[in-house]
């Protein structure tokens, strides 16, 4: 046990160095804080080394746990397992990129050191969250990530819209904290321990979990939904664009993932509660649908990326509700790197788009070609499924995931096939479809192999879950067909009107503003002190 403690706790040097960077920033808060920057880069280097070390430990010894202090099953416990190390490695890479970008981003700013310090403390909080091995650590790190993010969102307290968004995020986060706390208390009462592995082992040995655990699973689902900006509490996410770009990258690529991560970490709890799966399918599916459509109507690139993140989070939570946890983790990792790059390069992306002189192919609007694109997508999916010896007919969850993959592939082929472009354009689209399908099946198999020890075996869903999932897939399918058809369809007054509603997110954000009193925030001069910390 002592060896296990040492092997596990040594990885805590990485978040400790980030916290040390935050402390150094208190004495070097101003312009050109070389000491803070060097400490931050040292912490990112240590995180990369720690991630390699952790992977080696997991490969050699499997699940490894370490405890600093524990009383009656509640304590400061941490765990190294395939899931925690996958997330830790991803955070280490993202932290390195974001901090390196931030070295020059605010160069000359009077509070450059403060900004680096706040970034460092936020990264440390996320690292502790993914390493948590006890309900206590999970809950404390969960709150810490929210509070550290709040300090970043109000980095410019004179910006009223940023303060309003931070205020709404603060309210939503506290609601999520209450749900997570309630779930943790219920599980502790039921199993008399906060150790995650002991809870999972108890669930493995039971045919049906007690009602307290089923209630706890629903509370966990709501905590994840609130953490990941799901409908109808998503408004704050699309209003935090006045924060520095590195904050947006860290938020969308890292902190939003806390919701899906919680679902995968608690997969043994979620998979045993039918009500929790229904909650995830309903709210995740609804958010994925509405946010993905709203994304296409936004004139601002950063607002569009905000809706995109909400949609991706909804899709991940939907997949968790269906029960395909490896696919959810694959999506999480891929989305994180994509969104970090999208935000950090958003300015240059606009310039590239303006400088581009390549005309877009003109859409024809042929029903035959659109149907053909769907058929080709289905054939590609089925071919790779057979090649990977996957039989979707024997597993409803895989069948549902496959249907979503087919929808995605059809949106790659249809614009090229249903256009007056060159044959080479269509050929490239088909090759891209083959590459995407091959990557999905290969990486999903890899994630399944890596994470199988941390995930429950697939189970047969109940009738209500099946019917609900089928309904969601039908709506998704009709929406995808509408999106494929829309560019070639004629403009109409109805399309313009419905486009306005989607552009404004069906005004759910305005309703949430009224409920929370967001616009009661007064002038910047009066809001500076309540929202800004005196120290960094």
Protein backbone atom coordinates (compact mmCIF):
# COMPACT_ATOMS: atom_id res chain seq x y z
CA UNK A 1 0.00 0.00 0.00
CA UNK A 2 2.86 2.37 0.79
CA UNK A 3 4.35 1.68 -2.62
CA UNK A 4 0.98 2.26 -4.26
CA UNK A 5 0.62 5.53 -2.37
CA UNK A 6 4.05 6.69 -3.52
CA UNK A 7 3.47 5.65 -7.13
CA UNK A 8 0.17 7.51 -7.24
CA UNK A 9 0.90 10.63 -5.24
CA UNK A 10 4.10 11.45 -7.12
CA UNK A 11 1.97 12.55 -10.07
CA UNK A 12 0.52 15.32 -7.90
CA UNK A 13 3.74 17.25 -8.44
CA UNK A 14 2.22 18.48 -11.73
CA UNK A 15 -0.84 20.26 -10.26
CA UNK A 16 1.35 21.37 -7.33
CA UNK A 17 3.66 23.20 -9.75
CA UNK A 18 0.70 24.89 -11.40
CA UNK A 19 -0.53 26.04 -8.00
CA UNK A 20 3.01 27.27 -7.24
CA UNK A 21 2.86 29.29 -10.48
CA UNK A 22 -0.36 30.88 -9.27
CA UNK A 23 1.31 31.79 -5.97
CA UNK A 24 4.33 33.31 -7.75
CA UNK A 25 1.92 35.39 -9.83
CA UNK A 26 0.78 37.16 -6.68
CA UNK A 27 4.20 38.81 -6.40
CA UNK A 28 4.63 39.31 -10.16
CA UNK A 29 1.16 40.38 -11.38
CA UNK A 30 2.23 43.06 -13.87
CA UNK A 31 3.78 43.34 -17.31
CA UNK A 32 6.39 40.90 -18.60
CA UNK A 33 6.25 38.51 -15.62
CA UNK A 34 9.20 36.34 -16.64
CA UNK A 35 9.24 34.41 -13.37
CA UNK A 36 5.56 33.51 -13.71
CA UNK A 37 5.94 32.51 -17.35
CA UNK A 38 8.96 30.33 -16.59
CA UNK A 39 7.16 28.68 -13.67
CA UNK A 40 4.12 28.05 -15.85
CA UNK A 41 6.14 26.51 -18.67
CA UNK A 42 8.03 24.38 -16.14
CA UNK A 43 4.68 23.17 -14.82
CA UNK A 44 3.51 22.24 -18.31
CA UNK A 45 6.75 20.36 -18.91
CA UNK A 46 6.34 18.54 -15.61
CA UNK A 47 2.75 17.65 -16.59
CA UNK A 48 3.90 16.12 -19.86
CA UNK A 49 6.52 14.07 -18.01
CA UNK A 50 3.98 13.11 -15.34
CA UNK A 51 1.54 11.91 -18.01
CA UNK A 52 4.17 9.59 -19.47
CA UNK A 53 5.03 8.38 -15.97
CA UNK A 54 1.38 7.72 -15.16
CA UNK A 55 0.84 5.77 -18.37
CA UNK A 56 3.83 3.57 -17.54
CA UNK A 57 2.51 2.95 -14.01
CA UNK A 58 -0.93 1.97 -15.34
CA UNK A 59 0.58 -0.32 -17.98
CA UNK A 60 2.74 -2.08 -15.36
CA UNK A 61 0.39 -2.21 -12.36
CA UNK A 62 -3.10 -1.43 -13.63
CA UNK A 63 -5.33 0.58 -11.32
CA UNK A 64 -3.19 2.26 -8.66
CA UNK A 65 -4.62 4.27 -5.78
CA UNK A 66 -3.00 6.56 -3.25
CA UNK A 67 -4.49 8.20 -0.17
CA UNK A 68 -3.17 11.15 1.81
CA UNK A 69 -5.75 11.02 4.59
CA UNK A 70 -9.02 9.16 5.05
CA UNK A 71 -11.67 9.05 7.78
CA UNK A 72 -14.64 6.67 7.57
CA UNK A 73 -14.15 6.15 3.86
CA UNK A 74 -13.99 9.89 3.07
CA UNK A 75 -10.60 11.38 2.30
CA UNK A 76 -8.08 12.73 -0.17
CA UNK A 77 -7.64 9.78 -2.50
CA UNK A 78 -6.32 9.75 -6.05
CA UNK A 79 -6.23 7.05 -8.71
CA UNK A 80 -4.22 6.22 -11.79
CA UNK A 81 -6.19 4.20 -14.33
CA UNK A 82 -6.63 4.27 -18.12
CA UNK A 83 -9.43 6.86 -17.97
CA UNK A 84 -7.66 9.25 -15.60
CA UNK A 85 -4.41 9.05 -17.56
CA UNK A 86 -6.17 9.58 -20.89
CA UNK A 87 -7.73 12.77 -19.53
CA UNK A 88 -4.56 13.85 -17.69
CA UNK A 89 -2.46 13.48 -20.85
CA UNK A 90 -4.96 15.46 -22.88
CA UNK A 91 -4.99 18.24 -20.27
CA UNK A 92 -1.18 18.28 -20.17
CA UNK A 93 -1.00 18.81 -23.93
CA UNK A 94 -3.74 21.45 -23.96
CA UNK A 95 -2.21 23.23 -20.97
CA UNK A 96 1.15 23.40 -22.72
CA UNK A 97 -0.37 24.88 -25.89
CA UNK A 98 -2.60 27.39 -24.09
CA UNK A 99 0.11 28.64 -21.74
CA UNK A 100 2.63 28.93 -24.56
CA UNK A 101 0.09 30.92 -26.57
CA UNK A 102 -0.56 33.13 -23.53
CA UNK A 103 3.10 34.12 -23.17
CA UNK A 104 2.74 36.58 -26.04
CA UNK A 105 -1.03 37.04 -26.20
CA UNK A 106 -1.17 39.59 -23.36
CA UNK A 107 2.39 40.79 -23.64
CA UNK A 108 2.48 44.33 -22.28
CA UNK A 109 -0.81 44.04 -20.43
CA UNK A 110 -0.69 45.52 -16.94
CA UNK A 111 -2.05 42.24 -15.45
CA UNK A 112 -0.24 39.69 -17.59
CA UNK A 113 1.10 37.88 -14.53
CA UNK A 114 -2.35 37.71 -12.96
CA UNK A 115 -3.70 36.09 -16.11
CA UNK A 116 -0.98 33.43 -16.26
CA UNK A 117 -1.51 32.67 -12.56
CA UNK A 118 -5.25 32.21 -13.01
CA UNK A 119 -4.73 29.96 -16.01
CA UNK A 120 -2.30 27.83 -13.99
CA UNK A 121 -4.66 27.41 -11.04
CA UNK A 122 -7.50 26.43 -13.41
CA UNK A 123 -5.38 23.75 -15.08
CA UNK A 124 -4.40 22.42 -11.64
CA UNK A 125 -8.08 22.13 -10.67
CA UNK A 126 -8.91 20.14 -13.81
CA UNK A 127 -5.96 17.81 -13.21
CA UNK A 128 -7.13 17.10 -9.67
CA UNK A 129 -10.65 16.41 -10.98
CA UNK A 130 -9.56 13.71 -13.41
CA UNK A 131 -7.24 12.10 -10.82
CA UNK A 132 -9.87 11.99 -8.07
CA UNK A 133 -10.40 8.62 -6.44
CA UNK A 134 -12.84 9.63 -3.72
CA UNK A 135 -16.17 11.43 -3.73
CA UNK A 136 -14.68 14.15 -1.54
CA UNK A 137 -11.85 14.93 -3.96
CA UNK A 138 -14.25 14.72 -6.91
CA UNK A 139 -16.63 17.22 -5.31
CA UNK A 140 -13.92 19.66 -4.16
CA UNK A 141 -12.13 19.61 -7.52
CA UNK A 142 -15.49 20.02 -9.29
CA UNK A 143 -16.15 23.24 -7.33
CA UNK A 144 -12.56 24.40 -7.71
CA UNK A 145 -12.72 24.20 -11.52
CA UNK A 146 -15.82 26.40 -11.49
CA UNK A 147 -14.36 29.01 -9.14
CA UNK A 148 -11.07 29.19 -11.04
CA UNK A 149 -12.96 29.58 -14.30
CA UNK A 150 -15.01 32.39 -12.78
CA UNK A 151 -11.83 34.32 -12.03
CA UNK A 152 -10.84 34.00 -15.70
CA UNK A 153 -14.25 35.02 -17.00
CA UNK A 154 -14.11 38.27 -15.02
CA UNK A 155 -10.51 39.03 -15.93
CA UNK A 156 -11.79 42.25 -17.52
CA UNK A 157 -14.42 43.32 -14.97
CA UNK A 158 -15.05 46.57 -16.82
CA UNK A 159 -16.67 44.57 -19.63
CA UNK A 160 -20.31 44.41 -18.60
CA UNK A 161 -21.28 41.55 -20.91
CA UNK A 162 -18.42 39.42 -19.59
CA UNK A 163 -19.59 40.07 -16.02
CA UNK A 164 -23.18 39.15 -16.95
CA UNK A 165 -22.04 35.88 -18.52
CA UNK A 166 -19.88 35.09 -15.49
CA UNK A 167 -22.81 35.78 -13.19
CA UNK A 168 -25.08 33.37 -15.07
CA UNK A 169 -22.31 30.76 -15.18
CA UNK A 170 -21.83 31.15 -11.42
CA UNK A 171 -25.53 30.50 -10.75
CA UNK A 172 -25.66 27.47 -13.04
CA UNK A 173 -22.47 26.07 -11.54
CA UNK A 174 -23.83 26.31 -8.02
CA UNK A 175 -26.93 24.38 -9.05
CA UNK A 176 -24.67 21.71 -10.52
CA UNK A 177 -22.66 21.62 -7.30
CA UNK A 178 -25.85 20.97 -5.32
CA UNK A 179 -26.79 18.03 -7.56
CA UNK A 180 -23.29 16.54 -7.30
CA UNK A 181 -23.26 16.98 -3.53
CA UNK A 182 -26.67 15.31 -3.20
CA UNK A 183 -25.54 12.40 -5.37
CA UNK A 184 -22.33 11.99 -3.36
CA UNK A 185 -24.21 11.98 -0.05
CA UNK A 186 -26.68 9.37 -1.30
CA UNK A 187 -23.91 7.07 -2.51
CA UNK A 188 -21.96 7.49 0.71
CA UNK A 189 -25.05 6.66 2.78
CA UNK A 190 -25.69 3.57 0.69
CA UNK A 191 -22.13 2.17 0.61
CA UNK A 192 -20.54 3.81 3.70
CA UNK A 193 -17.53 4.87 1.66
CA UNK A 194 -16.50 7.58 -0.72
CA UNK A 195 -13.88 5.44 -2.47
CA UNK A 196 -14.94 5.24 -6.10
CA UNK A 197 -13.53 1.79 -6.73
CA UNK A 198 -15.33 0.29 -3.73
CA UNK A 199 -18.59 1.80 -4.98
CA UNK A 200 -18.01 0.41 -8.47
CA UNK A 201 -17.17 -3.05 -7.07
CA UNK A 202 -20.39 -3.03 -5.06
CA UNK A 203 -22.39 -2.16 -8.16
CA UNK A 204 -20.70 -4.94 -10.13
CA UNK A 205 -21.87 -7.49 -7.58
CA UNK A 206 -25.52 -6.41 -7.47
CA UNK A 207 -28.28 -7.36 -9.86
CA UNK A 208 -30.20 -4.12 -9.39
CA UNK A 209 -28.94 -1.08 -7.50
CA UNK A 210 -31.00 0.34 -4.62
CA UNK A 211 -33.33 3.25 -5.31
CA UNK A 212 -30.95 5.67 -3.57
CA UNK A 213 -28.29 4.93 -6.18
CA UNK A 214 -30.80 5.38 -9.01
CA UNK A 215 -31.71 8.79 -7.58
CA UNK A 216 -28.01 9.58 -7.23
CA UNK A 217 -27.50 8.68 -10.90
CA UNK A 218 -30.20 11.16 -11.94
CA UNK A 219 -28.56 13.85 -9.80
CA UNK A 220 -25.21 13.06 -11.44
CA UNK A 221 -26.81 13.42 -14.87
CA UNK A 222 -28.20 16.86 -14.00
CA UNK A 223 -24.84 17.92 -12.58
CA UNK A 224 -23.19 16.98 -15.87
CA UNK A 225 -25.86 18.77 -17.92
CA UNK A 226 -25.43 21.98 -15.94
CA UNK A 227 -21.64 21.79 -16.09
CA UNK A 228 -21.58 21.37 -19.87
CA UNK A 229 -23.94 24.23 -20.81
CA UNK A 230 -26.92 22.16 -21.90
CA UNK A 231 -30.29 23.55 -22.97
CA UNK A 232 -31.89 25.67 -21.55
CA UNK A 233 -28.97 26.89 -19.38
CA UNK A 234 -26.54 27.20 -22.31
CA UNK A 235 -26.78 30.97 -22.72
CA UNK A 236 -23.74 31.87 -20.63
CA UNK A 237 -21.48 29.84 -22.93
CA UNK A 238 -22.23 31.95 -26.00
CA UNK A 239 -21.74 35.19 -24.05
CA UNK A 240 -18.25 34.64 -22.66
CA UNK A 241 -16.55 35.73 -25.88
CA UNK A 242 -15.24 38.95 -24.35
CA UNK A 243 -12.75 36.98 -22.28
CA UNK A 244 -9.19 36.54 -23.64
CA UNK A 245 -8.90 33.93 -26.39
CA UNK A 246 -6.80 31.48 -24.28
CA UNK A 247 -9.67 31.39 -21.76
CA UNK A 248 -12.12 30.44 -24.51
CA UNK A 249 -9.76 27.72 -25.72
CA UNK A 250 -9.29 26.29 -22.22
CA UNK A 251 -13.02 26.51 -21.47
CA UNK A 252 -14.29 24.87 -24.65
CA UNK A 253 -11.48 22.33 -24.96
CA UNK A 254 -11.17 21.41 -21.30
CA UNK A 255 -13.56 22.61 -18.63
CA UNK A 256 -16.78 21.87 -20.54
CA UNK A 257 -15.64 18.26 -20.78
CA UNK A 258 -16.18 17.83 -17.04
CA UNK A 259 -19.80 16.80 -17.69
CA UNK A 260 -19.08 13.94 -20.12
CA UNK A 261 -16.06 12.92 -18.02
CA UNK A 262 -18.26 12.64 -14.93
CA UNK A 263 -20.67 10.39 -16.85
CA UNK A 264 -17.88 8.12 -18.06
CA UNK A 265 -16.20 8.03 -14.64
CA UNK A 266 -19.56 7.13 -13.06
CA UNK A 267 -20.50 4.77 -15.90
CA UNK A 268 -21.20 1.91 -13.45
CA UNK A 269 -23.74 4.14 -11.71
CA UNK A 270 -25.29 5.69 -14.83
CA UNK A 271 -25.64 2.42 -16.75
CA UNK A 272 -27.66 0.88 -13.90
CA UNK A 273 -30.22 3.69 -13.73
CA UNK A 274 -32.76 3.87 -16.55
CA UNK A 275 -34.03 7.29 -15.48
CA UNK A 276 -30.53 8.80 -15.71
CA UNK A 277 -30.11 7.47 -19.25
CA UNK A 278 -33.44 9.00 -20.26
CA UNK A 279 -32.42 12.38 -18.80
CA UNK A 280 -29.16 12.33 -20.77
CA UNK A 281 -30.86 11.29 -24.01
CA UNK A 282 -33.58 13.95 -23.73
CA UNK A 283 -31.48 16.95 -22.72
CA UNK A 284 -28.32 15.91 -24.57
CA UNK A 285 -30.23 15.15 -27.76
CA UNK A 286 -32.26 18.36 -27.56
CA UNK A 287 -29.14 20.47 -27.04
CA UNK A 288 -27.25 18.72 -29.83
CA UNK A 289 -30.16 19.34 -32.20
CA UNK A 290 -30.93 22.98 -31.40
CA UNK A 291 -27.34 24.11 -30.89
CA UNK A 292 -26.10 22.49 -34.11
CA UNK A 293 -28.80 24.31 -36.10
CA UNK A 294 -28.19 27.60 -34.29
CA UNK A 295 -24.49 27.21 -35.05
CA UNK A 296 -25.17 27.45 -38.79
CA UNK A 297 -27.09 30.74 -38.40
CA UNK A 298 -24.48 32.76 -36.48
CA UNK A 299 -22.69 35.68 -38.15
CA UNK A 300 -19.97 35.75 -35.45
CA UNK A 301 -17.33 33.02 -35.63
CA UNK A 302 -16.83 32.87 -31.85
CA UNK A 303 -20.56 32.73 -31.12
CA UNK A 304 -20.85 29.96 -33.69
CA UNK A 305 -18.05 28.09 -31.93
CA UNK A 306 -19.94 28.51 -28.66
CA UNK A 307 -23.04 26.87 -30.10
CA UNK A 308 -20.81 24.22 -31.64
CA UNK A 309 -19.36 23.34 -28.23
CA UNK A 310 -22.84 23.10 -26.66
CA UNK A 311 -23.90 20.79 -29.49
CA UNK A 312 -20.84 18.57 -29.12
CA UNK A 313 -21.33 18.33 -25.35
CA UNK A 314 -24.96 17.39 -25.95
CA UNK A 315 -23.94 14.69 -28.39
CA UNK A 316 -21.41 13.24 -25.92
CA UNK A 317 -24.00 13.13 -23.15
CA UNK A 318 -26.52 11.58 -25.54
CA UNK A 319 -24.03 8.84 -26.41
CA UNK A 320 -23.40 8.29 -22.69
CA UNK A 321 -27.15 7.92 -22.19
CA UNK A 322 -27.24 5.31 -24.96
CA UNK A 323 -24.38 3.53 -23.22
CA UNK A 324 -21.53 3.75 -25.75
CA UNK A 325 -18.99 5.25 -23.37
CA UNK A 326 -15.84 4.56 -25.48
CA UNK A 327 -17.35 6.50 -28.39
CA UNK A 328 -18.16 9.38 -26.02
CA UNK A 329 -14.53 9.50 -24.86
CA UNK A 330 -13.28 9.36 -28.45
CA UNK A 331 -15.52 12.32 -29.26
CA UNK A 332 -14.37 14.16 -26.14
CA UNK A 333 -10.67 13.91 -26.97
CA UNK A 334 -11.13 14.73 -30.66
CA UNK A 335 -13.39 17.70 -29.91
CA UNK A 336 -10.97 19.09 -27.32
CA UNK A 337 -8.05 19.36 -29.71
CA UNK A 338 -10.24 20.57 -32.54
CA UNK A 339 -11.86 23.30 -30.45
CA UNK A 340 -8.57 24.47 -28.92
CA UNK A 341 -7.16 24.89 -32.41
CA UNK A 342 -10.36 26.57 -33.63
CA UNK A 343 -10.27 29.25 -30.93
CA UNK A 344 -6.53 29.87 -30.95
CA UNK A 345 -6.59 30.26 -34.74
CA UNK A 346 -9.99 31.97 -35.03
CA UNK A 347 -8.48 35.30 -36.07
CA UNK A 348 -6.32 33.82 -38.81
CA UNK A 349 -9.22 31.64 -39.95
CA UNK A 350 -11.23 34.76 -40.75
CA UNK A 351 -8.29 36.23 -42.71
CA UNK A 352 -7.81 32.98 -44.64
CA UNK A 353 -11.50 32.87 -45.49
CA UNK A 354 -11.48 36.45 -46.73
CA UNK A 355 -8.37 35.85 -48.83
CA UNK A 356 -9.73 32.65 -50.35
CA UNK A 357 -10.71 33.08 -53.99
CA UNK A 358 -11.85 29.50 -54.63
CA UNK A 359 -15.59 29.60 -55.47
CA UNK A 360 -17.87 27.13 -53.73
CA UNK A 361 -19.56 24.56 -56.01
CA UNK A 362 -23.15 25.40 -56.84
CA UNK A 363 -25.70 23.03 -55.35
CA UNK A 364 -28.16 21.32 -57.70
CA UNK A 365 -30.80 20.11 -55.25
CA UNK A 366 -31.30 16.69 -56.85
CA UNK A 367 -33.29 14.32 -54.59
CA UNK A 368 -31.70 11.33 -56.35
CA UNK A 369 -28.17 12.54 -55.58
CA UNK A 370 -29.05 13.34 -51.97
CA UNK A 371 -30.56 9.88 -51.45
CA UNK A 372 -27.51 8.38 -53.18
CA UNK A 373 -25.21 10.17 -50.72
CA UNK A 374 -27.12 8.63 -47.80
CA UNK A 375 -26.92 5.17 -49.40
CA UNK A 376 -23.19 5.54 -50.02
CA UNK A 377 -22.70 6.60 -46.38
CA UNK A 378 -24.65 3.57 -45.17
CA UNK A 379 -22.62 1.23 -47.40
CA UNK A 380 -19.36 2.73 -46.13
CA UNK A 381 -20.47 2.32 -42.52
CA UNK A 382 -21.71 -1.22 -43.05
CA UNK A 383 -18.53 -2.20 -44.86
CA UNK A 384 -16.26 -0.99 -42.08
CA UNK A 385 -18.54 -2.54 -39.46
CA UNK A 386 -18.19 -5.92 -41.17
CA UNK A 387 -14.45 -5.41 -41.61
CA UNK A 388 -14.12 -4.75 -37.86
CA UNK A 389 -16.43 -7.72 -37.16
CA UNK A 390 -19.06 -5.55 -35.54
CA UNK A 391 -22.66 -6.66 -35.82
CA UNK A 392 -24.85 -3.66 -34.96
CA UNK A 393 -27.98 -5.83 -35.13
CA UNK A 394 -26.90 -7.59 -31.93
CA UNK A 395 -26.35 -4.39 -29.97
CA UNK A 396 -28.88 -1.57 -29.95
CA UNK A 397 -26.38 0.99 -28.61
CA UNK A 398 -23.96 0.30 -31.46
CA UNK A 399 -26.83 0.40 -33.94
CA UNK A 400 -27.88 3.85 -32.69
CA UNK A 401 -24.30 5.12 -32.77
CA UNK A 402 -23.91 3.74 -36.27
CA UNK A 403 -26.99 5.64 -37.42
CA UNK A 404 -25.45 8.87 -36.15
CA UNK A 405 -22.18 8.06 -37.94
CA UNK A 406 -24.09 7.52 -41.20
CA UNK A 407 -25.71 10.94 -40.79
CA UNK A 408 -22.32 12.54 -40.35
CA UNK A 409 -20.82 10.78 -43.34
CA UNK A 410 -23.74 11.79 -45.56
CA UNK A 411 -23.06 15.45 -44.78
CA UNK A 412 -19.57 14.99 -46.20
CA UNK A 413 -20.64 13.29 -49.42
CA UNK A 414 -23.91 15.09 -50.21
CA UNK A 415 -22.49 18.63 -50.81
CA UNK A 416 -19.95 17.22 -53.26
CA UNK A 417 -22.23 14.74 -55.01
CA UNK A 418 -25.14 17.19 -55.26
CA UNK A 419 -23.20 19.99 -56.94
CA UNK A 420 -21.85 21.06 -60.28
CA UNK A 421 -18.29 20.68 -59.08
CA UNK A 422 -15.56 18.64 -60.71
CA UNK A 423 -15.29 14.86 -60.49
CA UNK A 424 -12.13 15.31 -58.43
CA UNK A 425 -14.15 17.16 -55.77
CA UNK A 426 -16.57 14.25 -55.45
CA UNK A 427 -13.70 11.77 -55.36
CA UNK A 428 -11.99 13.72 -52.57
CA UNK A 429 -15.25 13.75 -50.61
CA UNK A 430 -15.59 9.98 -50.93
CA UNK A 431 -11.97 9.44 -49.92
CA UNK A 432 -12.50 11.75 -46.94
CA UNK A 433 -15.59 9.73 -45.98
CA UNK A 434 -13.58 6.50 -46.11
CA UNK A 435 -10.86 8.10 -43.99
CA UNK A 436 -13.36 9.38 -41.41
CA UNK A 437 -15.12 6.00 -41.18
CA UNK A 438 -11.82 4.13 -40.88
CA UNK A 439 -10.61 6.53 -38.21
CA UNK A 440 -13.85 6.22 -36.24
CA UNK A 441 -13.88 2.43 -36.16
CA UNK A 442 -10.14 2.18 -35.49
CA UNK A 443 -10.06 4.75 -32.70
CA UNK A 444 -13.33 3.52 -31.16
CA UNK A 445 -11.83 0.03 -30.99
CA UNK A 446 -8.67 1.46 -29.43
CA UNK A 447 -10.64 3.41 -26.83
CA UNK A 448 -12.78 0.37 -26.06
CA UNK A 449 -9.66 -1.73 -25.53
CA UNK A 450 -7.97 0.91 -23.39
CA UNK A 451 -10.99 1.74 -21.21
CA UNK A 452 -12.72 -1.64 -20.93
CA UNK A 453 -11.51 -2.15 -17.33
CA UNK A 454 -13.14 1.14 -16.28
CA UNK A 455 -16.47 0.65 -18.03
CA UNK A 456 -19.39 -1.71 -17.46
CA UNK A 457 -20.26 -4.32 -20.10
CA UNK A 458 -22.99 -3.29 -22.57
CA UNK A 459 -26.47 -3.95 -21.24
CA UNK A 460 -29.82 -4.24 -22.99
CA UNK A 461 -31.77 -0.98 -22.63
CA UNK A 462 -35.38 -0.93 -21.47
CA UNK A 463 -38.29 -0.31 -23.84
CA UNK A 464 -38.67 3.37 -22.91
CA UNK A 465 -35.00 4.07 -23.64
CA UNK A 466 -35.19 2.27 -26.99
CA UNK A 467 -38.30 4.16 -28.09
CA UNK A 468 -36.85 7.49 -26.98
CA UNK A 469 -33.56 6.83 -28.76
CA UNK A 470 -35.36 5.87 -31.95
CA UNK A 471 -37.42 9.06 -31.76
CA UNK A 472 -34.26 11.14 -31.31
CA UNK A 473 -32.59 9.42 -34.27
CA UNK A 474 -35.60 10.05 -36.49
CA UNK A 475 -35.57 13.75 -35.61
CA UNK A 476 -31.80 13.87 -36.18
CA UNK A 477 -32.21 12.17 -39.55
CA UNK A 478 -34.89 14.58 -40.72
CA UNK A 479 -32.77 17.52 -39.56
CA UNK A 480 -29.71 16.25 -41.43
CA UNK A 481 -31.74 15.81 -44.62
CA UNK A 482 -33.08 19.35 -44.19
CA UNK A 483 -29.55 20.69 -43.71
CA UNK A 484 -28.37 18.85 -46.83
CA UNK A 485 -31.29 20.14 -48.85
CA UNK A 486 -31.31 23.72 -47.50
CA UNK A 487 -28.40 25.20 -49.55
CA UNK A 488 -30.10 24.17 -52.78
CA UNK A 489 -33.63 25.17 -51.74
CA UNK A 490 -35.17 28.51 -52.58
CA UNK A 491 -35.30 31.23 -49.97
CA UNK A 492 -38.65 31.80 -48.32
CA UNK A 493 -40.18 34.05 -45.69
CA UNK A 494 -40.71 31.04 -43.44
CA UNK A 495 -37.02 30.09 -43.62
CA UNK A 496 -36.03 33.64 -42.78
CA UNK A 497 -38.36 33.73 -39.78
CA UNK A 498 -37.31 30.37 -38.39
CA UNK A 499 -33.68 31.35 -39.00
CA UNK A 500 -34.11 34.36 -36.73
CA UNK A 501 -35.47 32.13 -33.96
CA UNK A 502 -32.56 29.71 -34.28
CA UNK A 503 -30.06 32.56 -34.41
CA UNK A 504 -31.40 33.70 -31.04
CA UNK A 505 -31.58 30.21 -29.58
CA UNK A 506 -35.38 30.40 -29.37
CA UNK A 507 -34.86 33.16 -26.80
CA UNK A 508 -34.17 30.71 -23.99
CA UNK A 509 -31.20 32.82 -23.00
CA UNK A 510 -33.41 35.91 -22.68
CA UNK A 511 -35.77 33.98 -20.42
CA UNK A 512 -32.84 32.78 -18.33
CA UNK A 513 -31.63 36.39 -18.05
CA UNK A 514 -34.97 37.37 -16.55
CA UNK A 515 -35.00 34.46 -14.11
CA UNK A 516 -31.48 35.16 -12.86
CA UNK A 517 -31.65 38.95 -12.96
CA UNK A 518 -28.58 39.01 -15.18
CA UNK A 519 -29.23 42.48 -16.50
CA UNK A 520 -29.52 43.92 -13.03
CA UNK A 521 -25.74 44.20 -13.15
CA UNK A 522 -25.02 47.91 -13.04
CA UNK A 523 -22.27 49.95 -14.62
CA UNK A 524 -18.70 48.58 -14.84
CA UNK A 525 -17.48 50.90 -12.12
CA UNK A 526 -20.00 49.51 -9.65
CA UNK A 527 -19.54 45.88 -10.65
CA UNK A 528 -15.78 45.86 -10.46
CA UNK A 529 -15.45 45.13 -6.75
CA UNK A 530 -18.17 42.44 -6.32
CA UNK A 531 -16.80 40.34 -9.16
CA UNK A 532 -13.06 40.97 -9.05
CA UNK A 533 -10.78 39.36 -6.50
CA UNK A 534 -8.39 41.68 -4.69
CA UNK A 535 -5.53 39.31 -5.25
CA UNK A 536 -4.95 37.32 -8.39
